[in-house]
N, C-alpha and C. Protein backbone atom coordinates (compact mmCIF):
# COMPACT_ATOMS: atom_id res chain seq x y z
N MET A 1 105.16 122.90 113.86
CA MET A 1 105.57 121.63 113.29
C MET A 1 104.29 120.78 113.15
N PRO A 2 103.63 120.80 112.00
CA PRO A 2 102.40 120.05 111.86
C PRO A 2 102.61 118.54 111.83
N VAL A 3 101.77 117.83 112.55
CA VAL A 3 101.78 116.39 112.50
C VAL A 3 100.38 115.93 112.15
N ASN A 4 100.24 115.14 111.08
CA ASN A 4 98.94 114.68 110.65
C ASN A 4 97.95 115.84 110.38
N GLY A 5 98.45 116.90 109.83
CA GLY A 5 97.58 117.99 109.44
C GLY A 5 97.21 118.95 110.57
N SER A 6 97.64 118.67 111.80
CA SER A 6 97.29 119.56 112.90
C SER A 6 98.22 120.76 112.88
N GLN A 7 97.84 121.82 113.57
CA GLN A 7 98.63 123.03 113.62
C GLN A 7 99.26 123.21 114.97
N ASP A 8 99.52 122.14 115.70
CA ASP A 8 100.17 122.27 116.99
C ASP A 8 101.54 122.86 116.85
N SER A 9 101.93 123.65 117.83
CA SER A 9 103.27 124.24 117.76
C SER A 9 103.87 124.18 119.16
N GLY A 10 105.09 124.59 119.24
CA GLY A 10 105.77 124.66 120.51
C GLY A 10 106.00 123.25 121.13
N VAL A 11 105.80 123.18 122.44
CA VAL A 11 106.04 121.97 123.17
C VAL A 11 105.15 120.83 122.70
N THR A 12 103.87 121.13 122.45
CA THR A 12 102.92 120.09 122.02
C THR A 12 103.32 119.56 120.67
N GLY A 13 103.69 120.42 119.75
CA GLY A 13 104.08 119.96 118.41
C GLY A 13 105.34 119.12 118.47
N ALA A 14 106.30 119.55 119.29
CA ALA A 14 107.54 118.81 119.44
C ALA A 14 107.26 117.44 120.06
N ALA A 15 106.43 117.40 121.07
CA ALA A 15 106.09 116.17 121.74
C ALA A 15 105.41 115.19 120.76
N LYS A 16 104.49 115.72 119.96
CA LYS A 16 103.82 114.85 118.98
C LYS A 16 104.77 114.34 117.94
N PHE A 17 105.72 115.17 117.53
CA PHE A 17 106.71 114.74 116.56
C PHE A 17 107.57 113.61 117.11
N VAL A 18 108.02 113.79 118.34
CA VAL A 18 108.89 112.77 118.95
C VAL A 18 108.14 111.48 119.19
N THR A 19 106.90 111.58 119.76
CA THR A 19 106.17 110.33 120.03
C THR A 19 105.71 109.65 118.74
N SER A 20 105.42 110.44 117.70
CA SER A 20 105.03 109.83 116.43
C SER A 20 106.22 109.07 115.82
N THR A 21 107.37 109.70 115.83
CA THR A 21 108.57 109.04 115.33
C THR A 21 108.88 107.76 116.12
N LEU A 22 108.83 107.89 117.44
CA LEU A 22 109.12 106.74 118.29
C LEU A 22 108.07 105.64 118.10
N GLY A 23 106.82 106.02 118.05
CA GLY A 23 105.73 105.06 117.86
C GLY A 23 105.85 104.33 116.51
N ASN A 24 106.16 105.06 115.47
CA ASN A 24 106.31 104.43 114.12
C ASN A 24 107.51 103.50 114.12
N THR A 25 108.61 103.90 114.79
CA THR A 25 109.78 103.07 114.82
C THR A 25 109.53 101.75 115.61
N VAL A 26 109.00 101.91 116.80
CA VAL A 26 108.71 100.74 117.64
C VAL A 26 107.65 99.83 116.97
N GLY A 27 106.62 100.44 116.37
CA GLY A 27 105.62 99.65 115.70
C GLY A 27 106.21 98.91 114.49
N GLY A 28 107.07 99.55 113.72
CA GLY A 28 107.68 98.89 112.60
C GLY A 28 108.58 97.74 112.99
N VAL A 29 109.35 97.97 114.03
CA VAL A 29 110.22 96.87 114.54
C VAL A 29 109.36 95.72 115.06
N GLY A 30 108.35 96.02 115.81
CA GLY A 30 107.47 94.97 116.34
C GLY A 30 106.82 94.18 115.21
N ARG A 31 106.35 94.88 114.18
CA ARG A 31 105.70 94.20 113.05
C ARG A 31 106.70 93.27 112.32
N THR A 32 107.94 93.77 112.21
CA THR A 32 109.01 92.98 111.56
C THR A 32 109.31 91.73 112.33
N VAL A 33 109.53 91.88 113.65
CA VAL A 33 109.83 90.74 114.51
C VAL A 33 108.69 89.75 114.51
N GLY A 34 107.46 90.24 114.60
CA GLY A 34 106.32 89.33 114.56
C GLY A 34 106.21 88.62 113.23
N GLY A 35 106.46 89.28 112.13
CA GLY A 35 106.39 88.64 110.80
C GLY A 35 107.46 87.57 110.67
N VAL A 36 108.66 87.86 111.09
CA VAL A 36 109.78 86.89 110.99
C VAL A 36 109.51 85.71 111.89
N THR A 37 109.07 85.94 113.13
CA THR A 37 108.80 84.86 114.09
C THR A 37 107.63 84.02 113.60
N GLY A 38 106.56 84.64 113.08
CA GLY A 38 105.43 83.93 112.57
C GLY A 38 105.79 83.05 111.39
N ALA A 39 106.59 83.59 110.47
CA ALA A 39 107.02 82.83 109.30
C ALA A 39 107.93 81.65 109.70
N ALA A 40 108.80 81.89 110.67
CA ALA A 40 109.70 80.81 111.11
C ALA A 40 108.91 79.69 111.76
N THR A 41 107.94 80.07 112.59
CA THR A 41 107.13 79.09 113.30
C THR A 41 106.33 78.25 112.31
N ARG A 42 105.74 78.93 111.31
CA ARG A 42 105.01 78.19 110.27
C ARG A 42 105.95 77.29 109.46
N GLY A 43 107.13 77.74 109.24
CA GLY A 43 108.14 76.91 108.54
C GLY A 43 108.47 75.63 109.34
N VAL A 44 108.67 75.77 110.63
CA VAL A 44 108.91 74.63 111.45
C VAL A 44 107.73 73.69 111.44
N GLY A 45 106.54 74.25 111.52
CA GLY A 45 105.34 73.45 111.47
C GLY A 45 105.20 72.65 110.15
N ASP A 46 105.52 73.33 109.03
CA ASP A 46 105.48 72.65 107.74
C ASP A 46 106.55 71.53 107.66
N THR A 47 107.71 71.81 108.24
CA THR A 47 108.79 70.81 108.22
C THR A 47 108.40 69.59 109.04
N ILE A 48 107.80 69.80 110.20
CA ILE A 48 107.36 68.64 111.01
C ILE A 48 106.30 67.87 110.30
N SER A 49 105.35 68.55 109.70
CA SER A 49 104.28 67.86 108.97
C SER A 49 104.84 67.10 107.80
N GLY A 50 105.75 67.67 107.09
CA GLY A 50 106.33 67.02 105.90
C GLY A 50 107.21 65.85 106.28
N ALA A 51 107.97 65.97 107.35
CA ALA A 51 108.92 64.95 107.75
C ALA A 51 108.24 63.73 108.43
N THR A 52 107.14 63.99 109.13
CA THR A 52 106.53 62.91 109.90
C THR A 52 105.24 62.41 109.30
N GLY A 53 104.74 63.07 108.26
CA GLY A 53 103.52 62.63 107.60
C GLY A 53 102.31 62.86 108.53
N SER A 54 101.37 61.98 108.41
CA SER A 54 100.10 62.18 109.15
C SER A 54 100.30 62.09 110.65
N ALA A 55 101.32 61.37 111.13
CA ALA A 55 101.56 61.25 112.56
C ALA A 55 101.92 62.61 113.18
N GLY A 56 102.68 63.42 112.48
CA GLY A 56 103.11 64.72 113.02
C GLY A 56 102.23 65.85 112.57
N ARG A 57 101.27 65.61 111.75
CA ARG A 57 100.45 66.70 111.21
C ARG A 57 99.76 67.52 112.31
N PRO A 58 99.22 66.92 113.37
CA PRO A 58 98.60 67.79 114.44
C PRO A 58 99.58 68.74 115.06
N VAL A 59 100.79 68.30 115.29
CA VAL A 59 101.81 69.22 115.87
C VAL A 59 102.15 70.29 114.84
N GLY A 60 102.36 69.89 113.60
CA GLY A 60 102.69 70.87 112.57
C GLY A 60 101.57 71.91 112.37
N ASP A 61 100.36 71.41 112.36
CA ASP A 61 99.22 72.34 112.20
C ASP A 61 99.11 73.29 113.40
N ALA A 62 99.38 72.77 114.59
CA ALA A 62 99.33 73.63 115.78
C ALA A 62 100.38 74.69 115.72
N LEU A 63 101.60 74.34 115.25
CA LEU A 63 102.67 75.33 115.13
C LEU A 63 102.30 76.39 114.06
N ASN A 64 101.67 75.93 112.97
CA ASN A 64 101.28 76.86 111.93
C ASN A 64 100.26 77.85 112.50
N SER A 65 99.29 77.36 113.25
CA SER A 65 98.27 78.20 113.83
C SER A 65 98.92 79.19 114.81
N ALA A 66 99.80 78.70 115.64
CA ALA A 66 100.48 79.55 116.63
C ALA A 66 101.30 80.65 115.93
N GLY A 67 101.97 80.29 114.86
CA GLY A 67 102.76 81.28 114.11
C GLY A 67 101.87 82.37 113.51
N THR A 68 100.74 81.95 112.93
CA THR A 68 99.83 82.90 112.37
C THR A 68 99.23 83.80 113.47
N GLY A 69 98.84 83.23 114.58
CA GLY A 69 98.29 84.00 115.70
C GLY A 69 99.30 84.98 116.26
N LEU A 70 100.57 84.57 116.38
CA LEU A 70 101.60 85.43 116.86
C LEU A 70 101.81 86.62 115.90
N GLU A 71 101.86 86.33 114.65
CA GLU A 71 102.04 87.38 113.64
C GLU A 71 100.90 88.38 113.70
N ASP A 72 99.68 87.88 113.71
CA ASP A 72 98.49 88.73 113.72
C ASP A 72 98.48 89.59 115.03
N GLY A 73 98.81 88.97 116.12
CA GLY A 73 98.86 89.69 117.41
C GLY A 73 99.88 90.80 117.41
N THR A 74 101.06 90.52 116.90
CA THR A 74 102.09 91.58 116.91
C THR A 74 101.73 92.70 115.95
N LYS A 75 101.02 92.38 114.83
CA LYS A 75 100.56 93.42 113.92
C LYS A 75 99.60 94.37 114.63
N ARG A 76 98.69 93.78 115.39
CA ARG A 76 97.69 94.61 116.11
C ARG A 76 98.37 95.48 117.21
N VAL A 77 99.32 94.89 117.91
CA VAL A 77 100.02 95.65 118.93
C VAL A 77 100.84 96.81 118.25
N ALA A 78 101.52 96.46 117.18
CA ALA A 78 102.30 97.47 116.45
C ALA A 78 101.40 98.60 115.97
N HIS A 79 100.24 98.29 115.49
CA HIS A 79 99.31 99.31 115.01
C HIS A 79 98.84 100.20 116.20
N GLY A 80 98.59 99.57 117.33
CA GLY A 80 98.23 100.34 118.52
C GLY A 80 99.34 101.24 118.98
N VAL A 81 100.57 100.76 118.94
CA VAL A 81 101.71 101.61 119.34
C VAL A 81 101.86 102.78 118.41
N GLU A 82 101.71 102.56 117.12
CA GLU A 82 101.80 103.64 116.14
C GLU A 82 100.66 104.65 116.40
N ASN A 83 99.48 104.17 116.65
CA ASN A 83 98.36 105.13 116.94
C ASN A 83 98.63 105.90 118.22
N ALA A 84 99.12 105.26 119.25
CA ALA A 84 99.43 105.99 120.47
C ALA A 84 100.50 106.99 120.26
N GLY A 85 101.49 106.65 119.46
CA GLY A 85 102.54 107.64 119.16
C GLY A 85 102.01 108.82 118.40
N GLN A 86 100.91 108.65 117.69
CA GLN A 86 100.33 109.77 116.97
C GLN A 86 99.20 110.45 117.74
N TRP A 87 99.06 110.10 119.01
CA TRP A 87 98.08 110.64 119.92
C TRP A 87 96.65 110.39 119.45
N LYS A 88 96.41 109.21 118.92
CA LYS A 88 95.08 108.80 118.46
C LYS A 88 94.38 108.05 119.54
């Protein structure tokens, strides 16, 4: 059962197949959750900035930054999980 062009067979091939599938699934879910949470946080930040004007802009900007950081962080973790699942 080749995974990523390797010729592993038997138990090793099966293990790589299972961990690759699991890693890709967990990574995809993590990336999705991070994207949704990041977008929602930025949306709240934009709403606060828009509703309060310059008085609330620092809070809105902070939420925007936090949302972007959260999304970027979850993308990196998801990529690491996918790589680990593929034995990289």
